N, C-alpha and C. Protein backbone atom coordinates (compact mmCIF):
# COMPACT_ATOMS: atom_id res chain seq x y z
N MET A 1 119.00 98.66 117.22
CA MET A 1 118.25 97.80 116.31
C MET A 1 119.24 96.90 115.56
N LYS A 2 118.84 95.63 115.37
CA LYS A 2 119.68 94.68 114.66
C LYS A 2 119.38 94.72 113.16
N ILE A 3 120.38 94.45 112.37
CA ILE A 3 120.22 94.20 110.94
C ILE A 3 120.62 92.75 110.72
N ILE A 4 119.70 91.98 110.16
CA ILE A 4 119.95 90.56 109.95
C ILE A 4 119.75 90.21 108.47
N SER A 5 120.21 89.05 108.09
CA SER A 5 119.98 88.54 106.74
C SER A 5 119.83 87.04 106.85
N ASN A 6 118.60 86.59 107.08
CA ASN A 6 118.34 85.16 107.27
C ASN A 6 117.24 84.63 106.37
N MET A 7 116.92 85.37 105.30
CA MET A 7 115.88 84.96 104.36
C MET A 7 116.34 85.25 102.93
N ILE A 8 115.66 84.58 101.99
CA ILE A 8 115.92 84.82 100.56
C ILE A 8 114.61 85.11 99.84
N GLU A 9 114.74 85.66 98.66
CA GLU A 9 113.62 85.91 97.76
C GLU A 9 114.02 85.36 96.40
N ALA A 10 113.19 84.50 95.82
CA ALA A 10 113.51 83.89 94.52
C ALA A 10 112.36 84.11 93.55
N HIS A 11 112.64 84.80 92.47
CA HIS A 11 111.66 85.06 91.43
C HIS A 11 111.81 84.00 90.34
N ILE A 12 110.78 83.18 90.19
CA ILE A 12 110.78 82.13 89.18
C ILE A 12 110.14 82.69 87.91
N PHE A 13 110.78 82.43 86.78
CA PHE A 13 110.20 82.88 85.51
C PHE A 13 110.40 81.80 84.46
N ARG A 14 109.59 81.90 83.41
CA ARG A 14 109.76 81.04 82.23
C ARG A 14 109.60 81.91 81.00
N GLU A 15 110.25 81.50 79.94
CA GLU A 15 110.18 82.23 78.69
C GLU A 15 109.06 81.67 77.85
N THR A 16 108.26 82.56 77.27
CA THR A 16 107.15 82.15 76.41
C THR A 16 107.23 82.95 75.11
N GLY A 17 106.35 82.64 74.19
CA GLY A 17 106.28 83.41 72.95
C GLY A 17 105.90 84.85 73.18
N ASP A 18 105.28 85.13 74.33
CA ASP A 18 104.86 86.49 74.69
C ASP A 18 105.83 87.18 75.63
N GLY A 19 107.03 86.64 75.79
CA GLY A 19 108.01 87.24 76.70
C GLY A 19 108.16 86.40 77.96
N ILE A 20 108.51 87.05 79.03
CA ILE A 20 108.75 86.38 80.31
C ILE A 20 107.47 86.36 81.14
N LYS A 21 107.20 85.22 81.76
CA LYS A 21 106.08 85.09 82.71
C LYS A 21 106.68 84.76 84.06
N PHE A 22 106.21 85.47 85.09
CA PHE A 22 106.66 85.28 86.46
C PHE A 22 105.65 84.43 87.22
N LEU A 23 106.15 83.58 88.10
CA LEU A 23 105.29 82.75 88.93
C LEU A 23 105.02 83.49 90.24
N LEU A 24 103.74 83.68 90.53
CA LEU A 24 103.33 84.25 91.82
C LEU A 24 102.52 83.22 92.58
N LEU A 25 102.71 83.19 93.90
CA LEU A 25 102.07 82.23 94.79
C LEU A 25 101.23 82.98 95.81
N LYS A 26 100.04 82.45 96.12
CA LYS A 26 99.15 83.09 97.10
C LYS A 26 99.29 82.39 98.44
N ARG A 27 99.62 83.16 99.48
CA ARG A 27 99.85 82.62 100.83
C ARG A 27 98.59 81.99 101.42
N SER A 28 98.77 80.87 102.09
CA SER A 28 97.66 80.15 102.75
C SER A 28 97.27 80.83 104.06
N GLU A 29 96.04 80.55 104.49
CA GLU A 29 95.61 80.96 105.83
C GLU A 29 96.52 80.27 106.84
N GLY A 30 96.82 80.93 107.94
CA GLY A 30 97.70 80.35 108.94
C GLY A 30 99.17 80.66 108.69
N GLN A 31 99.49 81.18 107.52
CA GLN A 31 100.85 81.61 107.19
C GLN A 31 100.97 83.11 107.46
N PRO A 32 102.19 83.61 107.67
CA PRO A 32 102.33 85.07 107.74
C PRO A 32 101.81 85.69 106.44
N TYR A 33 101.13 86.79 106.56
CA TYR A 33 100.56 87.50 105.41
C TYR A 33 99.63 86.63 104.58
N PRO A 34 98.60 86.03 105.19
CA PRO A 34 97.69 85.16 104.42
C PRO A 34 97.01 85.93 103.29
N GLY A 35 96.86 85.26 102.14
CA GLY A 35 96.20 85.86 100.98
C GLY A 35 97.11 86.75 100.15
N LEU A 36 98.33 86.96 100.58
CA LEU A 36 99.27 87.82 99.86
C LEU A 36 99.89 87.07 98.68
N TRP A 37 100.00 87.74 97.54
CA TRP A 37 100.69 87.19 96.38
C TRP A 37 102.16 87.50 96.51
N GLN A 38 103.01 86.50 96.26
CA GLN A 38 104.44 86.69 96.42
C GLN A 38 105.22 85.73 95.53
N MET A 39 106.53 85.91 95.52
CA MET A 39 107.44 84.98 94.87
C MET A 39 107.84 83.97 95.94
N VAL A 40 108.75 83.06 95.64
CA VAL A 40 109.25 82.12 96.64
C VAL A 40 110.10 82.88 97.65
N THR A 41 109.86 82.62 98.92
CA THR A 41 110.67 83.19 99.98
C THR A 41 110.99 82.08 100.98
N GLY A 42 111.98 82.30 101.82
CA GLY A 42 112.27 81.29 102.82
C GLY A 42 113.44 81.68 103.70
N LYS A 43 113.53 80.97 104.83
CA LYS A 43 114.59 81.21 105.81
C LYS A 43 115.81 80.36 105.50
N ILE A 44 116.97 80.97 105.69
CA ILE A 44 118.24 80.29 105.51
C ILE A 44 118.51 79.44 106.75
N LYS A 45 118.76 78.14 106.52
CA LYS A 45 119.08 77.23 107.62
C LYS A 45 120.55 77.37 108.00
N ASP A 46 120.86 76.99 109.26
CA ASP A 46 122.25 77.02 109.71
C ASP A 46 123.13 76.20 108.77
N GLY A 47 124.25 76.77 108.37
CA GLY A 47 125.19 76.08 107.50
C GLY A 47 124.83 76.12 106.03
N GLU A 48 123.72 76.74 105.69
CA GLU A 48 123.26 76.80 104.31
C GLU A 48 123.68 78.12 103.69
N LYS A 49 124.10 78.08 102.44
CA LYS A 49 124.38 79.31 101.70
C LYS A 49 123.05 79.84 101.14
N ALA A 50 122.97 81.14 100.90
CA ALA A 50 121.71 81.74 100.44
C ALA A 50 121.22 81.09 99.15
N TYR A 51 122.12 80.81 98.20
CA TYR A 51 121.67 80.21 96.94
C TYR A 51 121.16 78.79 97.16
N GLN A 52 121.72 78.08 98.15
CA GLN A 52 121.23 76.74 98.48
C GLN A 52 119.82 76.83 99.06
N THR A 53 119.58 77.86 99.86
CA THR A 53 118.24 78.10 100.39
C THR A 53 117.27 78.36 99.25
N ALA A 54 117.68 79.18 98.29
CA ALA A 54 116.81 79.48 97.15
C ALA A 54 116.42 78.20 96.42
N LEU A 55 117.39 77.35 96.13
CA LEU A 55 117.10 76.09 95.44
C LEU A 55 116.19 75.19 96.27
N ARG A 56 116.46 75.09 97.57
CA ARG A 56 115.63 74.25 98.45
C ARG A 56 114.20 74.77 98.52
N GLU A 57 114.06 76.07 98.73
CA GLU A 57 112.72 76.67 98.86
C GLU A 57 111.95 76.58 97.55
N ILE A 58 112.62 76.76 96.42
CA ILE A 58 111.95 76.62 95.13
C ILE A 58 111.39 75.21 95.00
N LYS A 59 112.20 74.22 95.33
CA LYS A 59 111.75 72.82 95.25
C LYS A 59 110.59 72.56 96.21
N GLU A 60 110.72 73.02 97.47
CA GLU A 60 109.68 72.78 98.47
C GLU A 60 108.36 73.46 98.12
N GLU A 61 108.42 74.69 97.62
CA GLU A 61 107.20 75.47 97.41
C GLU A 61 106.57 75.27 96.04
N THR A 62 107.35 74.78 95.05
CA THR A 62 106.81 74.68 93.69
C THR A 62 107.06 73.33 93.02
N GLY A 63 107.98 72.54 93.55
CA GLY A 63 108.36 71.28 92.91
C GLY A 63 109.40 71.44 91.83
N PHE A 64 109.84 72.66 91.55
CA PHE A 64 110.79 72.91 90.46
C PHE A 64 112.24 72.72 90.89
N LEU A 65 113.04 72.23 89.95
CA LEU A 65 114.49 72.35 90.00
C LEU A 65 114.80 73.26 88.81
N PRO A 66 115.23 74.49 89.07
CA PRO A 66 115.44 75.44 87.98
C PRO A 66 116.46 74.95 86.95
N ALA A 67 116.26 75.36 85.71
CA ALA A 67 117.24 75.10 84.66
C ALA A 67 118.46 76.00 84.88
N GLN A 68 118.22 77.21 85.38
CA GLN A 68 119.29 78.17 85.66
C GLN A 68 118.90 79.01 86.87
N LEU A 69 119.92 79.46 87.61
CA LEU A 69 119.71 80.30 88.79
C LEU A 69 120.75 81.42 88.77
N TRP A 70 120.31 82.64 89.02
CA TRP A 70 121.19 83.80 89.06
C TRP A 70 120.98 84.57 90.36
N VAL A 71 122.05 85.24 90.78
CA VAL A 71 121.95 86.25 91.83
C VAL A 71 121.56 87.54 91.13
N ALA A 72 120.43 88.11 91.48
CA ALA A 72 120.01 89.37 90.86
C ALA A 72 120.75 90.53 91.54
N PRO A 73 121.03 91.59 90.81
CA PRO A 73 121.80 92.70 91.37
C PRO A 73 120.94 93.66 92.20
N THR A 74 120.26 93.10 93.19
CA THR A 74 119.44 93.92 94.09
C THR A 74 119.26 93.16 95.39
N ILE A 75 118.99 93.88 96.45
CA ILE A 75 118.72 93.28 97.76
C ILE A 75 117.44 93.94 98.27
N ASN A 76 116.53 93.13 98.79
CA ASN A 76 115.31 93.68 99.37
C ASN A 76 115.42 93.71 100.88
N SER A 77 114.51 94.42 101.51
CA SER A 77 114.56 94.57 102.96
C SER A 77 113.17 94.79 103.51
N PHE A 78 113.03 94.49 104.80
CA PHE A 78 111.81 94.84 105.51
C PHE A 78 112.14 95.08 106.97
N TYR A 79 111.27 95.82 107.64
CA TYR A 79 111.40 96.13 109.06
C TYR A 79 110.40 95.31 109.84
N GLU A 80 110.85 94.66 110.90
CA GLU A 80 109.98 93.88 111.78
C GLU A 80 109.86 94.62 113.11
N PRO A 81 108.71 95.30 113.33
CA PRO A 81 108.57 96.11 114.54
C PRO A 81 108.46 95.29 115.84
N LYS A 82 107.89 94.10 115.76
CA LYS A 82 107.71 93.28 116.97
C LYS A 82 109.06 92.94 117.62
N ASP A 83 110.00 92.48 116.79
CA ASP A 83 111.30 92.09 117.32
C ASP A 83 112.38 93.13 117.06
N GLU A 84 111.99 94.25 116.45
CA GLU A 84 112.86 95.40 116.22
C GLU A 84 114.14 95.02 115.45
N PHE A 85 113.93 94.62 114.19
CA PHE A 85 115.08 94.36 113.32
C PHE A 85 114.74 94.72 111.89
N ILE A 86 115.79 94.91 111.11
CA ILE A 86 115.67 95.08 109.67
C ILE A 86 116.29 93.83 109.05
N CYS A 87 115.58 93.24 108.10
CA CYS A 87 116.07 92.04 107.42
C CYS A 87 116.43 92.38 105.98
N LEU A 88 117.63 91.98 105.58
CA LEU A 88 118.09 92.15 104.20
C LEU A 88 117.99 90.80 103.50
N LEU A 89 117.36 90.77 102.31
CA LEU A 89 117.15 89.53 101.57
C LEU A 89 117.87 89.56 100.23
N PRO A 90 118.79 88.61 99.99
CA PRO A 90 119.34 88.50 98.64
C PRO A 90 118.23 88.04 97.69
N VAL A 91 118.30 88.52 96.45
CA VAL A 91 117.27 88.22 95.45
C VAL A 91 117.87 87.33 94.37
N PHE A 92 117.13 86.28 94.02
CA PHE A 92 117.55 85.34 93.00
C PHE A 92 116.52 85.32 91.87
N ALA A 93 116.99 85.00 90.66
CA ALA A 93 116.13 84.79 89.50
C ALA A 93 116.35 83.34 89.07
N ALA A 94 115.25 82.61 88.90
CA ALA A 94 115.32 81.20 88.54
C ALA A 94 114.50 80.95 87.28
N ARG A 95 115.15 80.41 86.25
CA ARG A 95 114.45 80.08 85.02
C ARG A 95 114.04 78.62 85.05
N VAL A 96 112.75 78.39 84.77
CA VAL A 96 112.24 77.02 84.68
C VAL A 96 111.71 76.80 83.27
N GLU A 97 111.57 75.54 82.90
CA GLU A 97 111.13 75.22 81.55
C GLU A 97 109.70 74.75 81.48
N SER A 98 109.12 74.40 82.61
CA SER A 98 107.76 73.89 82.66
C SER A 98 106.84 74.92 83.32
N ALA A 99 105.56 74.80 83.06
CA ALA A 99 104.57 75.65 83.72
C ALA A 99 103.84 74.89 84.83
N ASP A 100 104.20 73.61 85.03
CA ASP A 100 103.50 72.74 85.98
C ASP A 100 104.03 72.92 87.38
N VAL A 101 103.23 73.54 88.23
CA VAL A 101 103.62 73.86 89.60
C VAL A 101 103.00 72.84 90.55
N VAL A 102 103.78 72.40 91.53
CA VAL A 102 103.28 71.55 92.61
C VAL A 102 103.35 72.39 93.88
N LEU A 103 102.18 72.89 94.31
CA LEU A 103 102.14 73.79 95.47
C LEU A 103 102.36 73.06 96.78
N SER A 104 103.06 73.72 97.70
CA SER A 104 103.17 73.24 99.07
C SER A 104 101.96 73.75 99.85
N LYS A 105 101.85 73.34 101.10
CA LYS A 105 100.74 73.80 101.95
C LYS A 105 100.84 75.28 102.30
N GLU A 106 102.00 75.89 102.01
CA GLU A 106 102.19 77.31 102.31
C GLU A 106 101.37 78.21 101.38
N HIS A 107 100.92 77.65 100.25
CA HIS A 107 100.22 78.45 99.25
C HIS A 107 98.95 77.74 98.77
N THR A 108 97.96 78.53 98.37
CA THR A 108 96.69 77.97 97.92
C THR A 108 96.50 78.07 96.41
N GLN A 109 97.17 79.01 95.79
CA GLN A 109 97.01 79.24 94.36
C GLN A 109 98.33 79.70 93.76
N TYR A 110 98.40 79.59 92.43
CA TYR A 110 99.53 80.16 91.72
C TYR A 110 99.01 80.72 90.40
N GLN A 111 99.81 81.60 89.83
CA GLN A 111 99.52 82.09 88.48
C GLN A 111 100.81 82.56 87.82
N TRP A 112 100.85 82.36 86.50
CA TRP A 112 101.95 82.87 85.68
C TRP A 112 101.49 84.20 85.11
N VAL A 113 102.25 85.26 85.36
CA VAL A 113 101.83 86.60 84.96
C VAL A 113 102.99 87.34 84.30
N ASP A 114 102.62 88.34 83.51
CA ASP A 114 103.66 89.19 82.93
C ASP A 114 104.12 90.21 83.96
N LYS A 115 105.14 90.98 83.59
CA LYS A 115 105.71 91.96 84.52
C LYS A 115 104.67 92.94 85.05
N THR A 116 103.82 93.45 84.19
CA THR A 116 102.84 94.44 84.60
C THR A 116 101.89 93.88 85.66
N GLU A 117 101.39 92.68 85.43
CA GLU A 117 100.48 92.06 86.40
C GLU A 117 101.22 91.72 87.69
N ALA A 118 102.45 91.24 87.58
CA ALA A 118 103.24 90.93 88.78
C ALA A 118 103.41 92.18 89.62
N GLN A 119 103.71 93.29 88.98
CA GLN A 119 103.92 94.53 89.72
C GLN A 119 102.63 95.03 90.37
N LYS A 120 101.48 94.71 89.81
CA LYS A 120 100.20 95.07 90.43
C LYS A 120 99.93 94.22 91.67
N LEU A 121 100.32 92.95 91.62
CA LEU A 121 99.98 92.01 92.69
C LEU A 121 100.98 91.98 93.84
N LEU A 122 102.23 92.31 93.59
CA LEU A 122 103.24 92.25 94.64
C LEU A 122 103.09 93.43 95.60
N ALA A 123 103.24 93.15 96.89
CA ALA A 123 102.93 94.14 97.92
C ALA A 123 104.03 95.18 98.14
N TRP A 124 105.29 94.76 98.01
CA TRP A 124 106.38 95.65 98.38
C TRP A 124 107.11 96.20 97.15
N GLU A 125 107.51 97.44 97.26
CA GLU A 125 108.20 98.13 96.17
C GLU A 125 109.46 97.38 95.73
N GLY A 126 110.22 96.85 96.67
CA GLY A 126 111.43 96.12 96.32
C GLY A 126 111.14 94.90 95.47
N GLN A 127 110.03 94.23 95.73
CA GLN A 127 109.64 93.06 94.93
C GLN A 127 109.28 93.49 93.51
N ARG A 128 108.54 94.59 93.41
CA ARG A 128 108.17 95.10 92.08
C ARG A 128 109.42 95.53 91.30
N LYS A 129 110.36 96.15 92.01
CA LYS A 129 111.62 96.57 91.38
C LYS A 129 112.41 95.36 90.90
N ALA A 130 112.44 94.29 91.68
CA ALA A 130 113.16 93.08 91.30
C ALA A 130 112.59 92.49 90.00
N VAL A 131 111.27 92.48 89.87
CA VAL A 131 110.63 91.98 88.65
C VAL A 131 111.08 92.82 87.45
N GLN A 132 111.13 94.13 87.62
CA GLN A 132 111.57 95.02 86.54
C GLN A 132 113.02 94.74 86.16
N ILE A 133 113.88 94.59 87.15
CA ILE A 133 115.29 94.33 86.90
C ILE A 133 115.46 93.01 86.15
N ILE A 134 114.74 91.98 86.58
CA ILE A 134 114.86 90.67 85.94
C ILE A 134 114.39 90.73 84.49
N GLU A 135 113.24 91.36 84.25
CA GLU A 135 112.77 91.45 82.87
C GLU A 135 113.73 92.27 82.02
N ASP A 136 114.21 93.39 82.54
CA ASP A 136 115.15 94.21 81.77
C ASP A 136 116.40 93.41 81.39
N TYR A 137 116.90 92.63 82.31
CA TYR A 137 118.12 91.88 82.04
C TYR A 137 117.91 90.82 80.96
N PHE A 138 116.81 90.11 81.03
CA PHE A 138 116.61 89.00 80.11
C PHE A 138 115.98 89.39 78.78
N LEU A 139 115.36 90.55 78.70
CA LEU A 139 114.73 90.96 77.45
C LEU A 139 115.37 92.17 76.79
N ASN A 140 116.12 92.94 77.54
CA ASN A 140 116.65 94.20 77.03
C ASN A 140 118.17 94.10 76.90
N GLU A 141 118.67 94.00 75.71
CA GLU A 141 120.11 93.84 75.49
C GLU A 141 120.91 95.04 75.98
N LYS A 142 120.26 96.16 76.20
CA LYS A 142 120.96 97.34 76.65
C LYS A 142 121.03 97.41 78.18
N SER A 143 120.58 96.36 78.84
CA SER A 143 120.58 96.36 80.30
C SER A 143 122.00 96.52 80.84
N PHE A 144 122.15 97.37 81.83
CA PHE A 144 123.46 97.59 82.45
C PHE A 144 123.62 96.74 83.72
N PHE A 145 122.60 95.98 84.08
CA PHE A 145 122.68 95.13 85.26
C PHE A 145 123.58 93.93 84.99
N HIS A 146 124.18 93.42 86.03
CA HIS A 146 125.01 92.22 85.90
C HIS A 146 124.46 91.12 86.83
N PHE A 147 124.07 90.03 86.24
CA PHE A 147 123.58 88.88 87.02
C PHE A 147 124.70 87.86 87.11
N VAL A 148 124.89 87.27 88.28
CA VAL A 148 125.89 86.23 88.48
C VAL A 148 125.14 84.89 88.44
N GLU A 149 125.53 84.02 87.50
CA GLU A 149 124.87 82.72 87.41
C GLU A 149 125.51 81.75 88.40
N ILE A 150 124.65 81.00 89.08
CA ILE A 150 125.07 79.98 90.03
C ILE A 150 125.07 78.65 89.29
N THR A 151 126.12 77.89 89.40
CA THR A 151 126.15 76.56 88.80
C THR A 151 125.31 75.63 89.65
N ILE A 152 124.34 74.98 89.01
CA ILE A 152 123.43 74.08 89.74
C ILE A 152 123.96 72.66 89.64
């Protein structure tokens, strides 16, 4: 079995008076996993660095250019039985200042939600864990996680 890493996961958040709100996107019909709520995901193009993919996919799927981008201290994974591989995805956290989303055709809806609601809607445990890690880092001064900021 192959282990590959050709995709990224980017969690977009904004700070509000009520704490952090995460952006979730609902997959369109005709896309893999139609109707699924998720964060920004995407494939890494040849010659592209993972953080460059995150920035490109964020722009394509939401219209945002983040104010800040970090590498989150976690990696997600999934198993693809059809082609028999495991994919490892670097996880990014992106802070935006606006709530105005411009959806691509890949998604039909969006919503800004708190951590609890995000964890209810996200399908995979690794995604729910990433939301927890991101909130802990940005709201909890006692967080032991280390995020690496990418210069945009």
